[in-house]
């Protein structure tokens, strides 16, 4: 297959400060030189999560971005401790992952997951 990996995902946000605050509370770290008023980038493993300002963006369900983490329950507690409200509690899925979902302020659904047995 000629496609090897995803380098980055870019999400539209209506308020950059609010979005960056949310992602930092989830444990993402901005790259040096960011955030800016129009574009912010976070390192995610070998790839990137980018935010781009689109002031006319209207939140709507579009899909889900899944991030693998070392410990799903610890990630869930980090979100709660930061005052965030996940959509679900951590649970084991029949497809072999432990996960929970949270929605960012712009309606982007995130899943934090870990394959069971790892």
PDB file of N, CA and C in Angstrom:
ATOM      1  N   UNK A   1       0.848  -1.182   0.000  1.00  0.00           N
ATOM      2  CA  UNK A   1       0.000   0.000   0.000  1.00  0.00           C
ATOM      3  C   UNK A   1       0.888   1.238   0.000  1.00  0.00           C
ATOM      4  N   UNK A   2       0.636   2.216  -0.856  1.00  0.00           N
ATOM      5  CA  UNK A   2       1.491   3.399  -0.930  1.00  0.00           C
ATOM      6  C   UNK A   2       1.325   4.374   0.243  1.00  0.00           C
ATOM      7  N   UNK A   3       0.197   4.347   0.947  1.00  0.00           N
ATOM      8  CA  UNK A   3       0.002   5.237   2.096  1.00  0.00           C
ATOM      9  C   UNK A   3       0.555   4.538   3.327  1.00  0.00           C
ATOM     10  N   UNK A   4       1.506   5.190   4.014  1.00  0.00           N
ATOM     11  CA  UNK A   4       2.198   4.565   5.142  1.00  0.00           C
ATOM     12  C   UNK A   4       1.685   4.992   6.505  1.00  0.00           C
ATOM     13  N   UNK A   5       1.260   6.249   6.649  1.00  0.00           N
ATOM     14  CA  UNK A   5       0.829   6.721   7.965  1.00  0.00           C
ATOM     15  C   UNK A   5       0.120   8.060   7.806  1.00  0.00           C
ATOM     16  N   UNK A   6      -0.447   8.508   8.903  1.00  0.00           N
ATOM     17  CA  UNK A   6      -1.026   9.854   8.964  1.00  0.00           C
ATOM     18  C   UNK A   6       0.012  10.751   9.614  1.00  0.00           C
ATOM     19  N   UNK A   7       0.340  11.846   8.957  1.00  0.00           N
ATOM     20  CA  UNK A   7       1.301  12.788   9.508  1.00  0.00           C
ATOM     21  C   UNK A   7       0.636  13.751  10.485  1.00  0.00           C
ATOM     22  N   UNK A   8      -0.576  14.195  10.132  1.00  0.00           N
ATOM     23  CA  UNK A   8      -1.256  15.170  10.983  1.00  0.00           C
ATOM     24  C   UNK A   8      -2.751  15.143  10.715  1.00  0.00           C
ATOM     25  N   UNK A   9      -3.488  15.570  11.732  1.00  0.00           N
ATOM     26  CA  UNK A   9      -4.916  15.836  11.617  1.00  0.00           C
ATOM     27  C   UNK A   9      -5.081  17.297  11.987  1.00  0.00           C
ATOM     28  N   UNK A  10      -5.851  18.049  11.197  1.00  0.00           N
ATOM     29  CA  UNK A  10      -6.084  19.461  11.477  1.00  0.00           C
ATOM     30  C   UNK A  10      -7.574  19.664  11.732  1.00  0.00           C
ATOM     31  N   UNK A  11      -7.899  20.262  12.878  1.00  0.00           N
ATOM     32  CA  UNK A  11      -9.279  20.507  13.270  1.00  0.00           C
ATOM     33  C   UNK A  11      -9.566  22.004  13.261  1.00  0.00           C
ATOM     34  N   UNK A  12     -10.723  22.372  12.751  1.00  0.00           N
ATOM     35  CA  UNK A  12     -11.156  23.768  12.759  1.00  0.00           C
ATOM     36  C   UNK A  12     -11.717  24.111  14.139  1.00  0.00           C
ATOM     37  N   UNK A  13     -11.384  25.302  14.623  1.00  0.00           N
ATOM     38  CA  UNK A  13     -11.888  25.776  15.909  1.00  0.00           C
ATOM     39  C   UNK A  13     -12.378  27.210  15.764  1.00  0.00           C
ATOM     40  N   UNK A  14     -13.370  27.562  16.558  1.00  0.00           N
ATOM     41  CA  UNK A  14     -13.925  28.918  16.507  1.00  0.00           C
ATOM     42  C   UNK A  14     -13.216  29.877  17.448  1.00  0.00           C
ATOM     43  N   UNK A  15     -12.563  29.355  18.494  1.00  0.00           N
ATOM     44  CA  UNK A  15     -11.890  30.184  19.491  1.00  0.00           C
ATOM     45  C   UNK A  15     -10.584  29.479  19.858  1.00  0.00           C
ATOM     46  N   UNK A  16      -9.464  30.000  19.374  1.00  0.00           N
ATOM     47  CA  UNK A  16      -8.178  29.319  19.558  1.00  0.00           C
ATOM     48  C   UNK A  16      -7.779  29.216  21.029  1.00  0.00           C
ATOM     49  N   UNK A  17      -7.938  30.283  21.804  1.00  0.00           N
ATOM     50  CA  UNK A  17      -7.552  30.242  23.213  1.00  0.00           C
ATOM     51  C   UNK A  17      -8.330  29.170  23.964  1.00  0.00           C
ATOM     52  N   UNK A  18      -9.626  29.101  23.725  1.00  0.00           N
ATOM     53  CA  UNK A  18     -10.471  28.101  24.381  1.00  0.00           C
ATOM     54  C   UNK A  18     -10.051  26.693  23.983  1.00  0.00           C
ATOM     55  N   UNK A  19      -9.772  26.485  22.691  1.00  0.00           N
ATOM     56  CA  UNK A  19      -9.376  25.164  22.195  1.00  0.00           C
ATOM     57  C   UNK A  19      -8.023  24.741  22.761  1.00  0.00           C
ATOM     58  N   UNK A  20      -7.055  25.649  22.752  1.00  0.00           N
ATOM     59  CA  UNK A  20      -5.727  25.323  23.275  1.00  0.00           C
ATOM     60  C   UNK A  20      -5.826  24.987  24.769  1.00  0.00           C
ATOM     61  N   UNK A  21      -6.623  25.723  25.511  1.00  0.00           N
ATOM     62  CA  UNK A  21      -6.814  25.440  26.929  1.00  0.00           C
ATOM     63  C   UNK A  21      -7.366  24.020  27.120  1.00  0.00           C
ATOM     64  N   UNK A  22      -8.360  23.640  26.347  1.00  0.00           N
ATOM     65  CA  UNK A  22      -8.944  22.305  26.435  1.00  0.00           C
ATOM     66  C   UNK A  22      -7.896  21.231  26.155  1.00  0.00           C
ATOM     67  N   UNK A  23      -7.161  21.355  25.053  1.00  0.00           N
ATOM     68  CA  UNK A  23      -6.189  20.328  24.681  1.00  0.00           C
ATOM     69  C   UNK A  23      -5.029  20.243  25.678  1.00  0.00           C
ATOM     70  N   UNK A  24      -4.628  21.369  26.229  1.00  0.00           N
ATOM     71  CA  UNK A  24      -3.592  21.332  27.267  1.00  0.00           C
ATOM     72  C   UNK A  24      -4.105  20.607  28.507  1.00  0.00           C
ATOM     73  N   UNK A  25      -5.356  20.831  28.880  1.00  0.00           N
ATOM     74  CA  UNK A  25      -5.937  20.130  30.024  1.00  0.00           C
ATOM     75  C   UNK A  25      -5.992  18.624  29.782  1.00  0.00           C
ATOM     76  N   UNK A  26      -6.110  18.214  28.528  1.00  0.00           N
ATOM     77  CA  UNK A  26      -6.098  16.793  28.174  1.00  0.00           C
ATOM     78  C   UNK A  26      -4.682  16.225  28.158  1.00  0.00           C
ATOM     79  N   UNK A  27      -3.665  17.072  28.310  1.00  0.00           N
ATOM     80  CA  UNK A  27      -2.287  16.607  28.368  1.00  0.00           C
ATOM     81  C   UNK A  27      -1.475  16.833  27.105  1.00  0.00           C
ATOM     82  N   UNK A  28      -2.057  17.454  26.092  1.00  0.00           N
ATOM     83  CA  UNK A  28      -1.309  17.760  24.874  1.00  0.00           C
ATOM     84  C   UNK A  28      -0.394  18.951  25.140  1.00  0.00           C
ATOM     85  N   UNK A  29       0.786  18.928  24.541  1.00  0.00           N
ATOM     86  CA  UNK A  29       1.732  20.039  24.690  1.00  0.00           C
ATOM     87  C   UNK A  29       1.934  20.713  23.352  1.00  0.00           C
ATOM     88  N   UNK A  30       1.829  22.043  23.345  1.00  0.00           N
ATOM     89  CA  UNK A  30       2.031  22.782  22.105  1.00  0.00           C
ATOM     90  C   UNK A  30       3.496  22.733  21.712  1.00  0.00           C
ATOM     91  N   UNK A  31       3.734  22.799  20.424  1.00  0.00           N
ATOM     92  CA  UNK A  31       5.103  22.867  19.919  1.00  0.00           C
ATOM     93  C   UNK A  31       5.658  24.266  20.141  1.00  0.00           C
ATOM     94  N   UNK A  32       6.986  24.418  20.242  1.00  0.00           N
ATOM     95  CA  UNK A  32       7.572  25.756  20.399  1.00  0.00           C
ATOM     96  C   UNK A  32       7.098  26.686  19.281  1.00  0.00           C
ATOM     97  N   UNK A  33       6.809  27.917  19.657  1.00  0.00           N
ATOM     98  CA  UNK A  33       6.342  28.895  18.684  1.00  0.00           C
ATOM     99  C   UNK A  33       4.832  28.955  18.585  1.00  0.00           C
ATOM    100  N   UNK A  34       4.143  28.069  19.287  1.00  0.00           N
ATOM    101  CA  UNK A  34       2.681  28.034  19.260  1.00  0.00           C
ATOM    102  C   UNK A  34       2.205  28.246  20.691  1.00  0.00           C
ATOM    103  N   UNK A  35       1.011  28.634  20.973  1.00  0.00           N
ATOM    104  CA  UNK A  35      -0.058  28.846  20.011  1.00  0.00           C
ATOM    105  C   UNK A  35       0.024  30.219  19.361  1.00  0.00           C
ATOM    106  N   UNK A  36      -0.627  30.311  18.254  1.00  0.00           N
ATOM    107  CA  UNK A  36      -0.767  31.606  17.601  1.00  0.00           C
ATOM    108  C   UNK A  36      -2.259  31.886  17.498  1.00  0.00           C
ATOM    109  N   UNK A  37      -2.588  33.017  16.967  1.00  0.00           N
ATOM    110  CA  UNK A  37      -3.994  33.360  16.839  1.00  0.00           C
ATOM    111  C   UNK A  37      -4.718  32.517  15.802  1.00  0.00           C
ATOM    112  N   UNK A  38      -3.983  32.000  14.810  1.00  0.00           N
ATOM    113  CA  UNK A  38      -4.650  31.314  13.703  1.00  0.00           C
ATOM    114  C   UNK A  38      -4.299  29.840  13.548  1.00  0.00           C
ATOM    115  N   UNK A  39      -3.196  29.378  14.143  1.00  0.00           N
ATOM    116  CA  UNK A  39      -2.772  27.994  13.942  1.00  0.00           C
ATOM    117  C   UNK A  39      -1.957  27.535  15.137  1.00  0.00           C
ATOM    118  N   UNK A  40      -2.273  26.357  15.655  1.00  0.00           N
ATOM    119  CA  UNK A  40      -1.546  25.778  16.771  1.00  0.00           C
ATOM    120  C   UNK A  40      -1.266  24.320  16.451  1.00  0.00           C
ATOM    121  N   UNK A  41      -0.112  23.837  16.872  1.00  0.00           N
ATOM    122  CA  UNK A  41       0.262  22.462  16.593  1.00  0.00           C
ATOM    123  C   UNK A  41       0.740  21.766  17.866  1.00  0.00           C
ATOM    124  N   UNK A  42       0.332  20.510  18.027  1.00  0.00           N
ATOM    125  CA  UNK A  42       0.733  19.657  19.139  1.00  0.00           C
ATOM    126  C   UNK A  42       1.407  18.417  18.567  1.00  0.00           C
ATOM    127  N   UNK A  43       2.459  17.935  19.210  1.00  0.00           N
ATOM    128  CA  UNK A  43       3.076  16.665  18.795  1.00  0.00           C
ATOM    129  C   UNK A  43       2.264  15.530  19.402  1.00  0.00           C
ATOM    130  N   UNK A  44       1.973  14.521  18.569  1.00  0.00           N
ATOM    131  CA  UNK A  44       1.266  13.323  19.004  1.00  0.00           C
ATOM    132  C   UNK A  44       2.064  12.136  18.481  1.00  0.00           C
ATOM    133  N   UNK A  45       2.926  11.562  19.321  1.00  0.00           N
ATOM    134  CA  UNK A  45       3.793  10.489  18.856  1.00  0.00           C
ATOM    135  C   UNK A  45       4.676  11.006  17.730  1.00  0.00           C
ATOM    136  N   UNK A  46       4.661  10.312  16.592  1.00  0.00           N
ATOM    137  CA  UNK A  46       5.449  10.733  15.431  1.00  0.00           C
ATOM    138  C   UNK A  46       4.691  11.733  14.563  1.00  0.00           C
ATOM    139  N   UNK A  47       3.442  12.022  14.900  1.00  0.00           N
ATOM    140  CA  UNK A  47       2.621  12.920  14.085  1.00  0.00           C
ATOM    141  C   UNK A  47       2.238  14.183  14.827  1.00  0.00           C
ATOM    142  N   UNK A  48       1.206  14.843  14.311  1.00  0.00           N
ATOM    143  CA  UNK A  48       0.795  16.135  14.857  1.00  0.00           C
ATOM    144  C   UNK A  48      -0.721  16.246  14.890  1.00  0.00           C
ATOM    145  N   UNK A  49      -1.202  17.003  15.858  1.00  0.00           N
ATOM    146  CA  UNK A  49      -2.582  17.460  15.903  1.00  0.00           C
ATOM    147  C   UNK A  49      -2.513  18.963  15.737  1.00  0.00           C
ATOM    148  N   UNK A  50      -3.177  19.472  14.723  1.00  0.00           N
ATOM    149  CA  UNK A  50      -3.180  20.902  14.443  1.00  0.00           C
ATOM    150  C   UNK A  50      -4.568  21.475  14.681  1.00  0.00           C
ATOM    151  N   UNK A  51      -4.597  22.717  15.105  1.00  0.00           N
ATOM    152  CA  UNK A  51      -5.844  23.475  15.221  1.00  0.00           C
ATOM    153  C   UNK A  51      -5.724  24.688  14.330  1.00  0.00           C
ATOM    154  N   UNK A  52      -6.773  24.945  13.556  1.00  0.00           N
ATOM    155  CA  UNK A  52      -6.785  26.120  12.684  1.00  0.00           C
ATOM    156  C   UNK A  52      -8.020  26.952  13.008  1.00  0.00           C
ATOM    157  N   UNK A  53      -7.821  28.250  13.144  1.00  0.00           N
ATOM    158  CA  UNK A  53      -8.911  29.147  13.487  1.00  0.00           C
ATOM    159  C   UNK A  53      -9.842  29.330  12.290  1.00  0.00           C
ATOM    160  N   UNK A  54     -11.103  29.074  12.526  1.00  0.00           N
ATOM    161  CA  UNK A  54     -12.150  29.299  11.524  1.00  0.00           C
ATOM    162  C   UNK A  54     -13.323  29.893  12.285  1.00  0.00           C
ATOM    163  N   UNK A  55     -13.294  31.193  12.469  1.00  0.00           N
ATOM    164  CA  UNK A  55     -14.264  31.861  13.334  1.00  0.00           C
ATOM    165  C   UNK A  55     -15.706  31.575  12.957  1.00  0.00           C
ATOM    166  N   UNK A  56     -15.956  31.235  11.699  1.00  0.00           N
ATOM    167  CA  UNK A  56     -17.328  30.936  11.279  1.00  0.00           C
ATOM    168  C   UNK A  56     -17.664  29.453  11.446  1.00  0.00           C
ATOM    169  N   UNK A  57     -16.750  28.666  12.051  1.00  0.00           N
ATOM    170  CA  UNK A  57     -16.978  27.240  12.226  1.00  0.00           C
ATOM    171  C   UNK A  57     -18.193  27.001  13.123  1.00  0.00           C
ATOM    172  N   UNK A  58     -19.071  26.118  12.688  1.00  0.00           N
ATOM    173  CA  UNK A  58     -20.232  25.721  13.463  1.00  0.00           C
ATOM    174  C   UNK A  58     -20.049  24.277  13.897  1.00  0.00           C
ATOM    175  N   UNK A  59     -20.025  24.011  15.195  1.00  0.00           N
ATOM    176  CA  UNK A  59     -19.822  22.632  15.645  1.00  0.00           C
ATOM    177  C   UNK A  59     -20.883  21.681  15.098  1.00  0.00           C
ATOM    178  N   UNK A  60     -20.427  20.523  14.668  1.00  0.00           N
ATOM    179  CA  UNK A  60     -21.305  19.445  14.227  1.00  0.00           C
ATOM    180  C   UNK A  60     -20.526  18.137  14.312  1.00  0.00           C
ATOM    181  N   UNK A  61     -21.245  17.036  14.449  1.00  0.00           N
ATOM    182  CA  UNK A  61     -20.548  15.755  14.543  1.00  0.00           C
ATOM    183  C   UNK A  61     -19.993  15.411  13.183  1.00  0.00           C
ATOM    184  N   UNK A  62     -18.741  15.036  13.133  1.00  0.00           N
ATOM    185  CA  UNK A  62     -18.050  14.753  11.873  1.00  0.00           C
ATOM    186  C   UNK A  62     -17.347  13.408  11.907  1.00  0.00           C
ATOM    187  N   UNK A  63     -17.133  12.873  13.087  1.00  0.00           N
ATOM    188  CA  UNK A  63     -16.383  11.633  13.238  1.00  0.00           C
ATOM    189  C   UNK A  63     -15.639  11.665  14.549  1.00  0.00           C
ATOM    190  N   UNK A  64     -14.574  10.881  14.628  1.00  0.00           N
ATOM    191  CA  UNK A  64     -13.856  10.758  15.890  1.00  0.00           C
ATOM    192  C   UNK A  64     -12.372  10.593  15.611  1.00  0.00           C
ATOM    193  N   UNK A  65     -11.536  11.207  16.430  1.00  0.00           N
ATOM    194  CA  UNK A  65     -10.092  11.001  16.389  1.00  0.00           C
ATOM    195  C   UNK A  65      -9.724  10.174  17.611  1.00  0.00           C
ATOM    196  N   UNK A  66      -8.966   9.101  17.395  1.00  0.00           N
ATOM    197  CA  UNK A  66      -8.608   8.186  18.478  1.00  0.00           C
ATOM    198  C   UNK A  66      -7.125   8.341  18.791  1.00  0.00           C
ATOM    199  N   UNK A  67      -6.831   8.567  20.066  1.00  0.00           N
ATOM    200  CA  UNK A  67      -5.461   8.711  20.535  1.00  0.00           C
ATOM    201  C   UNK A  67      -5.146   7.558  21.475  1.00  0.00           C
ATOM    202  N   UNK A  68      -4.091   6.817  21.202  1.00  0.00           N
ATOM    203  CA  UNK A  68      -3.651   5.777  22.135  1.00  0.00           C
ATOM    204  C   UNK A  68      -2.833   6.433  23.233  1.00  0.00           C
ATOM    205  N   UNK A  69      -3.112   6.038  24.462  1.00  0.00           N
ATOM    206  CA  UNK A  69      -2.419   6.553  25.643  1.00  0.00           C
ATOM    207  C   UNK A  69      -1.882   5.381  26.455  1.00  0.00           C
ATOM    208  N   UNK A  70      -0.933   5.650  27.354  1.00  0.00           N
ATOM    209  CA  UNK A  70      -0.355   4.596  28.193  1.00  0.00           C
ATOM    210  C   UNK A  70      -1.389   3.992  29.136  1.00  0.00           C
ATOM    211  N   UNK A  71      -2.250   4.841  29.706  1.00  0.00           N
ATOM    212  CA  UNK A  71      -3.203   4.377  30.695  1.00  0.00           C
ATOM    213  C   UNK A  71      -4.499   5.167  30.542  1.00  0.00           C
ATOM    214  N   UNK A  72      -5.543   4.505  30.099  1.00  0.00           N
ATOM    215  CA  UNK A  72      -6.832   5.160  29.837  1.00  0.00           C
ATOM    216  C   UNK A  72      -7.426   5.727  31.121  1.00  0.00           C
ATOM    217  N   UNK A  73      -7.354   4.975  32.205  1.00  0.00           N
ATOM    218  CA  UNK A  73      -7.946   5.439  33.466  1.00  0.00           C
ATOM    219  C   UNK A  73      -7.221   6.669  34.010  1.00  0.00           C
ATOM    220  N   UNK A  74      -5.893   6.700  33.879  1.00  0.00           N
ATOM    221  CA  UNK A  74      -5.132   7.886  34.290  1.00  0.00           C
ATOM    222  C   UNK A  74      -5.507   9.091  33.431  1.00  0.00           C
ATOM    223  N   UNK A  75      -5.675   8.878  32.122  1.00  0.00           N
ATOM    224  CA  UNK A  75      -6.064   9.971  31.218  1.00  0.00           C
ATOM    225  C   UNK A  75      -7.445  10.498  31.598  1.00  0.00           C
ATOM    226  N   UNK A  76      -8.349   9.609  31.915  1.00  0.00           N
ATOM    227  CA  UNK A  76      -9.694   9.992  32.336  1.00  0.00           C
ATOM    228  C   UNK A  76      -9.622  10.850  33.605  1.00  0.00           C
ATOM    229  N   UNK A  77      -8.827  10.415  34.577  1.00  0.00           N
ATOM    230  CA  UNK A  77      -8.685  11.169  35.821  1.00  0.00           C
ATOM    231  C   UNK A  77      -8.040  12.533  35.574  1.00  0.00           C
ATOM    232  N   UNK A  78      -7.077  12.609  34.637  1.00  0.00           N
ATOM    233  CA  UNK A  78      -6.452  13.889  34.286  1.00  0.00           C
ATOM    234  C   UNK A  78      -7.520  14.855  33.769  1.00  0.00           C
ATOM    235  N   UNK A  79      -8.392  14.363  32.908  1.00  0.00           N
ATOM    236  CA  UNK A  79      -9.458  15.215  32.365  1.00  0.00           C
ATOM    237  C   UNK A  79     -10.391  15.698  33.474  1.00  0.00           C
ATOM    238  N   UNK A  80     -10.800  14.788  34.338  1.00  0.00           N
ATOM    239  CA  UNK A  80     -11.685  15.172  35.448  1.00  0.00           C
ATOM    240  C   UNK A  80     -11.013  16.192  36.362  1.00  0.00           C
ATOM    241  N   UNK A  81      -9.746  15.962  36.705  1.00  0.00           N
ATOM    242  CA  UNK A  81      -9.019  16.864  37.595  1.00  0.00           C
ATOM    243  C   UNK A  81      -8.871  18.253  36.990  1.00  0.00           C
ATOM    244  N   UNK A  82      -8.859  18.331  35.656  1.00  0.00           N
ATOM    245  CA  UNK A  82      -8.735  19.618  34.970  1.00  0.00           C
ATOM    246  C   UNK A  82     -10.093  20.291  34.774  1.00  0.00           C
ATOM    247  N   UNK A  83     -11.157  19.666  35.293  1.00  0.00           N
ATOM    248  CA  UNK A  83     -12.485  20.256  35.193  1.00  0.00           C
ATOM    249  C   UNK A  83     -13.216  19.928  33.895  1.00  0.00           C
ATOM    250  N   UNK A  84     -12.711  18.975  33.135  1.00  0.00           N
ATOM    251  CA  UNK A  84     -13.366  18.568  31.892  1.00  0.00           C
ATOM    252  C   UNK A  84     -14.395  17.481  32.184  1.00  0.00           C
ATOM    253  N   UNK A  85     -15.382  17.373  31.305  1.00  0.00           N
ATOM    254  CA  UNK A  85     -16.455  16.406  31.488  1.00  0.00           C
ATOM    255  C   UNK A  85     -16.466  15.410  30.338  1.00  0.00           C
ATOM    256  N   UNK A  86     -15.800  14.263  30.478  1.00  0.00           N
ATOM    257  CA  UNK A  86     -15.839  13.246  29.424  1.00  0.00           C
ATOM    258  C   UNK A  86     -17.276  12.794  29.146  1.00  0.00           C
ATOM    259  N   UNK A  87     -17.514  12.351  27.917  1.00  0.00           N
ATOM    260  CA  UNK A  87     -18.837  11.882  27.503  1.00  0.00           C
ATOM    261  C   UNK A  87     -19.139  10.495  28.047  1.00  0.00           C
ATOM    262  N   UNK A  88     -18.092   9.695  28.235  1.00  0.00           N
ATOM    263  CA  UNK A  88     -18.259   8.332  28.730  1.00  0.00           C
ATOM    264  C   UNK A  88     -17.196   8.057  29.785  1.00  0.00           C
ATOM    265  N   UNK A  89     -17.418   7.021  30.567  1.00  0.00           N
ATOM    266  CA  UNK A  89     -16.410   6.544  31.508  1.00  0.00           C
ATOM    267  C   UNK A  89     -15.564   5.486  30.807  1.00  0.00           C
ATOM    268  N   UNK A  90     -14.348   5.234  31.293  1.00  0.00           N
ATOM    269  CA  UNK A  90     -13.533   4.193  30.679  1.00  0.00           C
ATOM    270  C   UNK A  90     -14.244   2.834  30.727  1.00  0.00           C
ATOM    271  N   UNK A  91     -14.156   2.111  29.615  1.00  0.00           N
ATOM    272  CA  UNK A  91     -14.724   0.772  29.562  1.00  0.00           C
ATOM    273  C   UNK A  91     -13.965  -0.068  28.553  1.00  0.00           C
ATOM    274  N   UNK A  92     -14.124  -1.379  28.690  1.00  0.00           N
ATOM    275  CA  UNK A  92     -13.492  -2.322  27.771  1.00  0.00           C
ATOM    276  C   UNK A  92     -14.457  -2.607  26.631  1.00  0.00           C
ATOM    277  N   UNK A  93     -13.972  -2.443  25.413  1.00  0.00           N
ATOM    278  CA  UNK A  93     -14.801  -2.625  24.219  1.00  0.00           C
ATOM    279  C   UNK A  93     -14.644  -4.033  23.651  1.00  0.00           C
ATOM    280  N   UNK A  94     -15.677  -4.533  22.985  1.00  0.00           N
ATOM    281  CA  UNK A  94     -15.585  -5.866  22.384  1.00  0.00           C
ATOM    282  C   UNK A  94     -14.534  -5.959  21.274  1.00  0.00           C
ATOM    283  N   UNK A  95     -14.101  -4.822  20.734  1.00  0.00           N
ATOM    284  CA  UNK A  95     -13.084  -4.838  19.687  1.00  0.00           C
ATOM    285  C   UNK A  95     -11.667  -4.854  20.255  1.00  0.00           C
ATOM    286  N   UNK A  96     -11.539  -4.929  21.602  1.00  0.00           N
ATOM    287  CA  UNK A  96     -10.234  -5.151  22.204  1.00  0.00           C
ATOM    288  C   UNK A  96      -9.494  -3.911  22.672  1.00  0.00           C
ATOM    289  N   UNK A  97     -10.215  -2.854  23.004  1.00  0.00           N
ATOM    290  CA  UNK A  97      -9.581  -1.650  23.540  1.00  0.00           C
ATOM    291  C   UNK A  97     -10.311  -1.204  24.795  1.00  0.00           C
ATOM    292  N   UNK A  98      -9.579  -0.569  25.687  1.00  0.00           N
ATOM    293  CA  UNK A  98     -10.172   0.189  26.791  1.00  0.00           C
ATOM    294  C   UNK A  98     -10.174   1.627  26.311  1.00  0.00           C
ATOM    295  N   UNK A  99     -11.271   2.355  26.530  1.00  0.00           N
ATOM    296  CA  UNK A  99     -11.402   3.687  25.945  1.00  0.00           C
ATOM    297  C   UNK A  99     -12.401   4.534  26.720  1.00  0.00           C
ATOM    298  N   UNK A 100     -12.364   5.840  26.442  1.00  0.00           N
ATOM    299  CA  UNK A 100     -13.449   6.756  26.803  1.00  0.00           C
ATOM    300  C   UNK A 100     -13.468   7.870  25.773  1.00  0.00           C
ATOM    301  N   UNK A 101     -14.617   8.538  25.678  1.00  0.00           N
ATOM    302  CA  UNK A 101     -14.796   9.636  24.724  1.00  0.00           C
ATOM    303  C   UNK A 101     -14.959  10.959  25.466  1.00  0.00           C
ATOM    304  N   UNK A 102     -14.492  12.014  24.803  1.00  0.00           N
ATOM    305  CA  UNK A 102     -14.695  13.378  25.287  1.00  0.00           C
ATOM    306  C   UNK A 102     -14.855  14.268  24.057  1.00  0.00           C
ATOM    307  N   UNK A 103     -15.681  15.293  24.172  1.00  0.00           N
ATOM    308  CA  UNK A 103     -15.919  16.212  23.056  1.00  0.00           C
ATOM    309  C   UNK A 103     -15.296  17.555  23.389  1.00  0.00           C
ATOM    310  N   UNK A 104     -14.524  18.093  22.437  1.00  0.00           N
ATOM    311  CA  UNK A 104     -13.884  19.393  22.684  1.00  0.00           C
ATOM    312  C   UNK A 104     -14.904  20.517  22.526  1.00  0.00           C
ATOM    313  N   UNK A 105     -14.556  21.750  22.869  1.00  0.00           N
ATOM    314  CA  UNK A 105     -15.513  22.858  22.815  1.00  0.00           C
ATOM    315  C   UNK A 105     -16.053  23.156  21.415  1.00  0.00           C
ATOM    316  N   UNK A 106     -15.399  22.635  20.379  1.00  0.00           N
ATOM    317  CA  UNK A 106     -15.859  22.867  19.009  1.00  0.00           C
ATOM    318  C   UNK A 106     -16.594  21.662  18.430  1.00  0.00           C
ATOM    319  N   UNK A 107     -16.930  20.691  19.281  1.00  0.00           N
ATOM    320  CA  UNK A 107     -17.717  19.551  18.840  1.00  0.00           C
ATOM    321  C   UNK A 107     -16.919  18.397  18.263  1.00  0.00           C
ATOM    322  N   UNK A 108     -15.593  18.450  18.330  1.00  0.00           N
ATOM    323  CA  UNK A 108     -14.764  17.357  17.818  1.00  0.00           C
ATOM    324  C   UNK A 108     -14.706  16.250  18.869  1.00  0.00           C
ATOM    325  N   UNK A 109     -15.096  15.046  18.477  1.00  0.00           N
ATOM    326  CA  UNK A 109     -15.088  13.931  19.417  1.00  0.00           C
ATOM    327  C   UNK A 109     -13.718  13.270  19.430  1.00  0.00           C
ATOM    328  N   UNK A 110     -13.178  13.102  20.631  1.00  0.00           N
ATOM    329  CA  UNK A 110     -11.903  12.446  20.833  1.00  0.00           C
ATOM    330  C   UNK A 110     -12.127  11.156  21.603  1.00  0.00           C
ATOM    331  N   UNK A 111     -11.346  10.159  21.311  1.00  0.00           N
ATOM    332  CA  UNK A 111     -11.346   8.926  22.068  1.00  0.00           C
ATOM    333  C   UNK A 111      -9.931   8.681  22.550  1.00  0.00           C
ATOM    334  N   UNK A 112      -9.783   8.424  23.842  1.00  0.00           N
ATOM    335  CA  UNK A 112      -8.493   8.027  24.389  1.00  0.00           C
ATOM    336  C   UNK A 112      -8.583   6.535  24.640  1.00  0.00           C
ATOM    337  N   UNK A 113      -7.654   5.761  24.076  1.00  0.00           N
ATOM    338  CA  UNK A 113      -7.774   4.312  24.076  1.00  0.00           C
ATOM    339  C   UNK A 113      -6.438   3.632  24.287  1.00  0.00           C
ATOM    340  N   UNK A 114      -6.522   2.346  24.612  1.00  0.00           N
ATOM    341  CA  UNK A 114      -5.351   1.478  24.754  1.00  0.00           C
ATOM    342  C   UNK A 114      -5.795   0.070  24.435  1.00  0.00           C
ATOM    343  N   UNK A 115      -5.064  -0.625  23.548  1.00  0.00           N
ATOM    344  CA  UNK A 115      -5.414  -2.020  23.291  1.00  0.00           C
ATOM    345  C   UNK A 115      -5.366  -2.819  24.586  1.00  0.00           C
ATOM    346  N   UNK A 116      -6.347  -3.686  24.801  1.00  0.00           N
ATOM    347  CA  UNK A 116      -6.385  -4.526  25.998  1.00  0.00           C
ATOM    348  C   UNK A 116      -5.190  -5.457  25.984  1.00  0.00           C
ATOM    349  N   UNK A 117      -4.619  -5.697  27.146  1.00  0.00           N
ATOM    350  CA  UNK A 117      -3.481  -6.586  27.259  1.00  0.00           C
ATOM    351  C   UNK A 117      -2.147  -5.918  27.050  1.00  0.00           C
ATOM    352  N   UNK A 118      -2.143  -4.609  26.824  1.00  0.00           N
ATOM    353  CA  UNK A 118      -0.877  -3.877  26.657  1.00  0.00           C
ATOM    354  C   UNK A 118      -0.643  -2.991  27.849  1.00  0.00           C
TER     355      UNK A 118
END
